[in-house]
Protein backbone atom coordinates (compact mmCIF):
# COMPACT_ATOMS: atom_id res chain seq x y z
CA MET A 1 0.00 0.00 0.00
CA LYS A 2 0.97 3.66 -0.30
CA ALA A 3 1.49 5.81 2.78
CA LEU A 4 2.83 9.24 3.71
CA MET A 5 5.75 8.37 5.99
CA CYS A 6 7.77 10.24 8.57
CA ASN A 7 11.16 8.50 8.38
CA GLN A 8 12.97 11.33 10.17
CA HIS A 9 11.68 14.15 12.34
CA GLY A 10 11.30 17.45 10.56
CA LEU A 11 8.98 19.79 8.67
CA PRO A 12 6.29 18.51 6.28
CA ASP A 13 8.63 18.60 3.28
CA THR A 14 10.65 15.75 4.83
CA LEU A 15 7.67 13.37 4.59
CA VAL A 16 7.93 10.62 1.97
CA TYR A 17 5.08 9.15 -0.09
CA GLU A 18 6.12 5.53 -0.54
CA GLU A 19 5.15 1.89 -0.73
CA VAL A 20 5.00 0.10 2.64
CA PRO A 21 3.71 -3.33 3.72
CA ASP A 22 -0.02 -3.73 4.34
CA PRO A 23 -0.85 -3.83 8.06
CA THR A 24 -2.36 -6.94 9.64
CA PRO A 25 -4.66 -6.82 12.66
CA ALA A 26 -3.72 -8.22 16.05
CA ALA A 27 -6.42 -9.28 18.49
CA GLY A 28 -8.72 -6.35 19.23
CA GLU A 29 -7.66 -4.39 16.14
CA VAL A 30 -9.35 -3.32 12.90
CA ILE A 31 -7.79 -2.53 9.52
CA ILE A 32 -9.64 0.25 7.68
CA ASP A 33 -9.46 1.11 3.98
CA MET A 34 -9.04 4.87 4.33
CA LYS A 35 -11.43 6.97 2.24
CA ALA A 36 -10.75 10.32 3.94
CA ALA A 37 -8.48 11.44 6.78
CA GLY A 38 -8.66 14.68 8.74
CA VAL A 39 -5.62 16.98 9.00
CA ASN A 40 -5.08 18.57 12.42
CA PHE A 41 -2.47 20.85 13.94
CA PRO A 42 -1.03 18.07 16.17
CA ASP A 43 -0.03 16.30 12.93
CA VAL A 44 2.37 19.19 12.27
CA LEU A 45 3.84 18.85 15.76
CA ILE A 46 4.12 15.07 15.87
CA ILE A 47 6.35 14.87 12.77
CA GLN A 48 8.72 17.37 14.43
CA ASN A 49 8.78 15.35 17.69
CA LYS A 50 7.14 18.31 19.46
CA TYR A 51 3.88 16.67 20.51
CA GLN A 52 3.19 15.00 23.88
CA PHE A 53 2.64 11.68 22.09
CA LYS A 54 5.83 10.49 20.36
CA PRO A 55 5.56 7.39 18.14
CA GLY A 56 8.75 5.62 17.14
CA LEU A 57 10.22 6.15 13.68
CA PRO A 58 9.21 5.41 11.02
CA PHE A 59 5.51 6.21 11.22
CA SER A 60 2.70 7.79 9.25
CA PRO A 61 0.99 10.83 10.79
CA GLY A 62 -2.77 11.32 10.85
CA ALA A 63 -5.06 10.80 13.84
CA GLU A 64 -8.57 10.44 12.43
CA LEU A 65 -10.16 8.84 9.39
CA ALA A 66 -13.27 7.43 7.84
CA GLY A 67 -13.44 4.39 5.57
CA THR A 68 -14.58 0.80 5.27
CA VAL A 69 -13.49 -2.17 7.35
CA ALA A 70 -10.97 -4.33 5.44
CA THR A 71 -10.19 -6.96 8.09
CA VAL A 72 -10.82 -7.47 11.80
CA GLY A 73 -8.71 -9.12 14.47
CA GLU A 74 -9.72 -11.75 16.97
CA GLY A 75 -12.38 -10.65 19.44
CA VAL A 76 -13.80 -7.79 17.36
CA SER A 77 -17.58 -8.12 17.03
CA HIS A 78 -19.10 -4.61 16.88
CA VAL A 79 -17.96 -4.02 13.26
CA LYS A 80 -17.45 -6.40 10.33
CA VAL A 81 -15.75 -6.37 6.93
CA GLY A 82 -17.37 -3.84 4.62
CA ASP A 83 -18.85 -1.63 7.37
CA ARG A 84 -18.52 2.14 7.00
CA VAL A 85 -16.67 3.37 10.10
CA ILE A 86 -14.94 6.30 11.80
CA GLY A 87 -11.57 5.58 13.38
CA SER A 88 -9.29 7.40 15.81
CA SER A 89 -5.79 6.13 15.21
CA GLY A 90 -3.49 8.52 17.10
CA HIS A 91 -1.15 8.24 14.13
CA GLY A 92 -1.05 6.26 10.89
CA ALA A 93 -4.16 7.62 9.17
CA PHE A 94 -2.32 9.07 6.16
CA ALA A 95 -2.15 5.69 4.43
CA GLU A 96 -4.32 3.58 2.19
CA LYS A 97 -4.86 1.05 5.00
CA VAL A 98 -4.89 2.01 8.67
CA ARG A 99 -4.62 -0.10 11.82
CA CYS A 100 -6.87 1.03 14.69
CA ASN A 101 -7.66 -0.21 18.16
CA ALA A 102 -11.19 -1.60 17.84
CA ARG A 103 -12.30 0.42 20.87
CA LYS A 104 -11.63 3.56 18.81
CA VAL A 105 -13.62 2.45 15.76
CA ILE A 106 -17.33 3.27 15.58
CA PRO A 107 -19.94 2.67 12.88
CA MET A 108 -20.72 5.72 10.76
CA PRO A 109 -24.25 7.08 11.21
CA ASP A 110 -26.56 6.75 8.24
CA GLY A 111 -26.47 9.78 5.96
CA LEU A 112 -22.96 10.87 6.92
CA ASP A 113 -20.40 10.98 4.10
CA PHE A 114 -16.75 9.93 4.46
CA GLU A 115 -15.34 13.45 4.17
CA THR A 116 -17.59 14.94 6.84
CA ALA A 117 -16.96 11.96 9.12
CA ALA A 118 -13.18 12.38 8.75
CA ALA A 119 -13.41 16.09 9.52
CA PHE A 120 -15.56 15.70 12.59
CA THR A 121 -14.29 13.62 15.48
CA LEU A 122 -11.21 15.45 16.75
CA THR A 123 -12.29 19.07 16.25
CA TYR A 124 -15.89 18.73 17.38
CA GLY A 125 -15.00 16.18 20.07
CA THR A 126 -12.40 18.55 21.52
CA SER A 127 -14.72 21.55 21.42
CA TYR A 128 -17.72 19.72 22.88
CA HIS A 129 -15.66 18.27 25.73
CA ALA A 130 -14.15 21.70 26.39
CA LEU A 131 -17.34 23.73 26.37
CA VAL A 132 -19.77 21.26 27.94
CA ASP A 133 -17.65 19.19 30.32
CA ARG A 134 -14.76 21.45 31.25
CA ALA A 135 -16.35 24.92 31.08
CA GLY A 136 -20.02 24.13 31.75
CA LEU A 137 -21.03 26.80 29.23
CA LYS A 138 -24.62 27.92 29.82
CA ALA A 139 -27.27 29.54 27.68
CA GLY A 140 -27.01 33.32 27.90
CA GLU A 141 -23.28 33.35 28.68
CA THR A 142 -20.68 34.93 26.40
CA LEU A 143 -18.04 32.77 24.72
CA LEU A 144 -14.91 34.24 23.13
CA VAL A 145 -13.18 31.95 20.61
CA LEU A 146 -9.58 32.70 19.65
CA GLY A 147 -8.20 31.31 16.39
CA ALA A 148 -11.87 31.07 15.50
CA ALA A 149 -11.50 30.25 11.79
CA GLY A 150 -9.55 27.05 12.41
CA GLY A 151 -11.08 23.59 12.70
CA VAL A 152 -11.58 23.56 16.47
CA GLY A 153 -12.49 27.26 16.42
CA LEU A 154 -15.38 26.88 13.99
CA ALA A 155 -16.55 23.81 15.90
CA ALA A 156 -16.51 25.86 19.12
CA ILE A 157 -18.58 28.61 17.47
CA GLU A 158 -21.24 26.15 16.31
CA ILE A 159 -21.38 24.25 19.60
CA GLY A 160 -21.48 27.50 21.58
CA LYS A 161 -24.44 28.69 19.53
CA ALA A 162 -26.19 25.33 19.90
CA LEU A 163 -25.83 25.68 23.68
CA GLY A 164 -27.45 29.12 23.60
CA ALA A 165 -24.36 31.26 24.21
CA ARG A 166 -23.48 34.57 22.60
CA VAL A 167 -20.32 33.88 20.59
CA ILE A 168 -17.53 36.35 19.78
CA ALA A 169 -15.06 35.13 17.16
CA ALA A 170 -11.48 36.44 17.10
CA ALA A 171 -9.22 35.82 14.11
CA SER A 172 -6.38 37.49 12.21
CA SER A 173 -8.13 38.67 9.02
CA GLU A 174 -11.48 39.82 7.67
CA GLU A 175 -11.54 36.85 5.28
CA LYS A 176 -11.31 34.43 8.20
CA LEU A 177 -13.91 36.35 10.19
CA ALA A 178 -16.32 36.13 7.24
CA VAL A 179 -16.19 32.33 7.58
CA CYS A 180 -16.84 32.68 11.33
CA ARG A 181 -19.96 34.74 10.64
CA GLU A 182 -21.19 32.07 8.23
CA HIS A 183 -20.95 29.56 11.07
CA GLY A 184 -22.93 31.67 13.53
CA ALA A 185 -20.59 34.14 15.28
CA ASP A 186 -22.58 37.02 16.80
CA ALA A 187 -19.64 39.43 16.87
CA CYS A 188 -16.09 39.45 15.53
CA ILE A 189 -12.69 40.80 16.56
CA ASN A 190 -9.83 41.18 14.08
CA TYR A 191 -6.77 40.88 16.30
CA GLY A 192 -4.59 41.55 13.28
CA SER A 193 -5.79 45.16 13.25
CA GLU A 194 -7.57 45.83 16.57
CA GLU A 195 -6.21 46.20 20.10
CA ILE A 196 -7.66 43.08 21.62
CA ARG A 197 -8.51 44.29 25.14
CA ALA A 198 -10.34 47.35 23.82
CA ALA A 199 -12.18 45.21 21.29
CA ILE A 200 -13.26 42.69 23.96
CA LYS A 201 -14.45 45.50 26.22
CA ALA A 202 -16.52 46.98 23.40
CA ALA A 203 -17.97 43.61 22.37
CA THR A 204 -19.02 42.67 25.93
CA ASP A 205 -20.14 46.08 27.28
CA GLY A 206 -17.17 46.00 29.62
CA LYS A 207 -18.16 42.73 31.33
CA GLY A 208 -15.72 40.41 29.58
CA PRO A 209 -16.41 36.90 28.27
CA ASP A 210 -17.62 34.18 30.64
CA VAL A 211 -15.66 31.52 28.74
CA VAL A 212 -12.53 31.88 26.59
CA TYR A 213 -11.66 29.09 24.15
CA ASP A 214 -7.95 29.33 23.31
CA PRO A 215 -6.25 26.94 20.88
CA VAL A 216 -3.57 29.54 20.06
CA GLY A 217 -1.67 30.54 23.20
CA GLY A 218 1.12 33.02 22.58
CA GLU A 219 0.97 36.76 23.03
CA PHE A 220 -2.80 37.18 23.34
CA ALA A 221 -3.32 34.85 26.31
CA GLU A 222 -2.45 37.31 29.06
CA PRO A 223 -4.38 40.35 27.73
CA VAL A 224 -7.41 38.14 27.04
CA PHE A 225 -7.26 36.61 30.52
CA ARG A 226 -7.06 40.14 31.97
CA SER A 227 -10.34 40.84 30.15
CA ILE A 228 -12.25 37.76 31.37
CA ALA A 229 -15.48 38.13 33.34
CA TRP A 230 -15.87 37.45 37.06
CA ARG A 231 -15.95 33.65 37.58
CA GLY A 232 -14.75 33.24 33.99
CA ARG A 233 -13.29 29.99 32.65
CA TYR A 234 -10.23 30.13 30.38
CA LEU A 235 -9.95 26.94 28.32
CA VAL A 236 -6.41 25.90 27.40
CA ILE A 237 -6.83 23.93 24.16
CA GLY A 238 -3.38 24.16 22.56
CA PHE A 239 -0.56 26.37 21.38
CA ALA A 240 -0.88 26.83 17.63
CA GLY A 241 0.85 30.19 18.03
CA GLY A 242 4.00 28.31 19.01
CA GLU A 243 4.52 29.87 22.45
CA ILE A 244 3.25 28.51 25.76
CA PRO A 245 1.97 31.55 27.72
CA ARG A 246 3.13 32.50 31.21
CA VAL A 247 0.12 34.12 32.86
CA PRO A 248 0.48 35.78 36.31
CA TRP A 249 -1.52 33.71 38.78
CA ASN A 250 -2.80 36.79 40.61
CA LEU A 251 -5.07 37.47 37.63
CA ALA A 252 -7.02 34.28 38.42
CA LEU A 253 -7.37 35.45 42.03
CA LEU A 254 -8.57 38.93 41.13
CA LYS A 255 -11.24 37.68 38.74
CA GLY A 256 -12.27 34.58 40.70
CA ALA A 257 -11.48 32.90 37.39
CA SER A 258 -10.33 29.42 36.41
CA ILE A 259 -7.64 28.27 33.98
CA VAL A 260 -8.98 24.96 32.70
CA GLY A 261 -6.91 22.39 30.82
CA VAL A 262 -8.48 20.41 27.97
CA PHE A 263 -6.80 17.15 26.89
CA TRP A 264 -9.38 15.47 24.71
CA GLY A 265 -7.10 12.60 23.67
CA ASP A 266 -6.65 11.36 27.23
CA TYR A 267 -10.33 12.01 27.97
CA THR A 268 -11.34 9.53 25.26
CA VAL A 269 -9.09 6.87 26.84
CA ARG A 270 -9.85 7.55 30.50
CA GLU A 271 -13.61 8.15 30.09
CA PRO A 272 -14.68 6.20 26.99
CA GLN A 273 -18.34 5.99 28.01
CA HIS A 274 -18.58 9.77 28.32
CA PHE A 275 -16.83 10.15 24.97
CA GLN A 276 -19.31 7.77 23.33
CA SER A 277 -22.19 9.78 24.81
CA ASP A 278 -20.64 12.99 23.43
CA LEU A 279 -20.48 11.47 19.95
CA GLU A 280 -24.11 10.36 20.04
CA THR A 281 -25.18 13.85 21.09
CA MET A 282 -23.11 15.50 18.37
CA PHE A 283 -24.36 13.12 15.66
CA GLY A 284 -27.86 14.21 16.65
CA MET A 285 -26.80 17.86 16.33
CA ILE A 286 -25.50 17.14 12.82
CA ARG A 287 -28.85 15.60 11.85
CA GLU A 288 -30.60 18.69 13.21
CA GLY A 289 -28.34 20.97 11.14
CA LYS A 290 -26.78 22.62 14.20
CA LEU A 291 -23.25 21.41 13.34
CA ARG A 292 -21.84 21.84 9.83
CA PRO A 293 -18.17 20.85 9.47
CA HIS A 294 -16.44 23.27 7.11
CA ILE A 295 -14.03 21.53 4.71
CA SER A 296 -11.98 24.17 2.92
CA ALA A 297 -9.63 21.94 0.90
CA ARG A 298 -9.03 18.35 -0.16
CA TYR A 299 -5.64 16.83 -0.98
CA PRO A 300 -4.81 13.43 -2.50
CA LEU A 301 -2.61 11.26 -0.30
CA ALA A 302 0.41 11.88 -2.53
CA GLN A 303 0.12 15.62 -1.74
CA GLY A 304 -0.36 15.17 1.99
CA ALA A 305 2.83 17.06 2.83
CA GLN A 306 1.33 20.15 1.18
CA ALA A 307 -1.77 19.80 3.37
CA LEU A 308 0.44 19.87 6.47
CA ASN A 309 2.43 22.81 5.11
CA ASP A 310 -0.75 24.80 4.55
CA MET A 311 -1.95 23.92 8.05
CA MET A 312 1.38 24.97 9.57
CA ASN A 313 1.39 28.29 7.68
CA ARG A 314 -2.22 29.08 8.66
CA LYS A 315 -3.47 29.08 5.10
CA VAL A 316 -6.58 27.04 5.87
CA THR A 317 -9.96 27.69 7.42
CA GLY A 318 -11.99 24.98 9.08
CA LYS A 319 -10.74 21.50 8.19
CA VAL A 320 -8.69 20.11 5.34
CA ILE A 321 -8.74 16.43 4.50
CA ILE A 322 -6.61 13.87 2.70
CA THR A 323 -8.26 11.35 0.39
CA THR A 324 -7.17 8.17 -1.39
């Protein structure tokens, strides 16, 4: 089979599209014929050996996919050969055939296409866990989403709206903010041209946001946390900006605010029943039209390195996917 391989740590251009042996399933595993795989920012980090999860070389990146079951290992009974499924692989999804732990393979709901399924699990799963479980976002509260035009950002906008919150989207350009408005943002902040604290004050009548969703980190974290509302919850999603912030702890004291970590990957392992419940709820929200994954680009597997380059250089909105 063909796969996009990381044979040495480095930037996306070091990845190699090559022939590798077909995987075979061990007990409790499933082999999936990949039809579409989602591209996520951790894929950029993992090939540089900068992510918290570090697979041994060589490996194929890619953490989520949709496809059909090719073979199943001993003890697997909830899916069979030919079933349409969604898989969470951790790594290895950028290949024609992908090995997955059977516990992380679920049947695709009727009416869901492969591309949407591949673009859904990680971004919407992360955002739902963050907003519902970690922040307890309530109807009538104000949610500020940083990096709002990215995959997790757009998911957070849609989920926030579905929960009844007022959503403020913050992004670096008017083009990106236009996409945020299409997905339901009530107000927008262009932090490429506006002073962010003044803009937050104006957008919230001086009260500040009740919940901040931050997948970016970097220079905006401290000024945004200074602007948070009393009893606010600041969700730490990731550090796409490249810098891990150092926020003075006295700010949390003065605002009675919480800095809340969100590690969706471990959540799915430690609390699989809650994760399954989340998925069932979100599939229902898709059927109701409340969630609409935005796929901005599609790349064939042979051009997967370009997909990661575009992700790294912030040239994408929503999700991009790789197809066979």
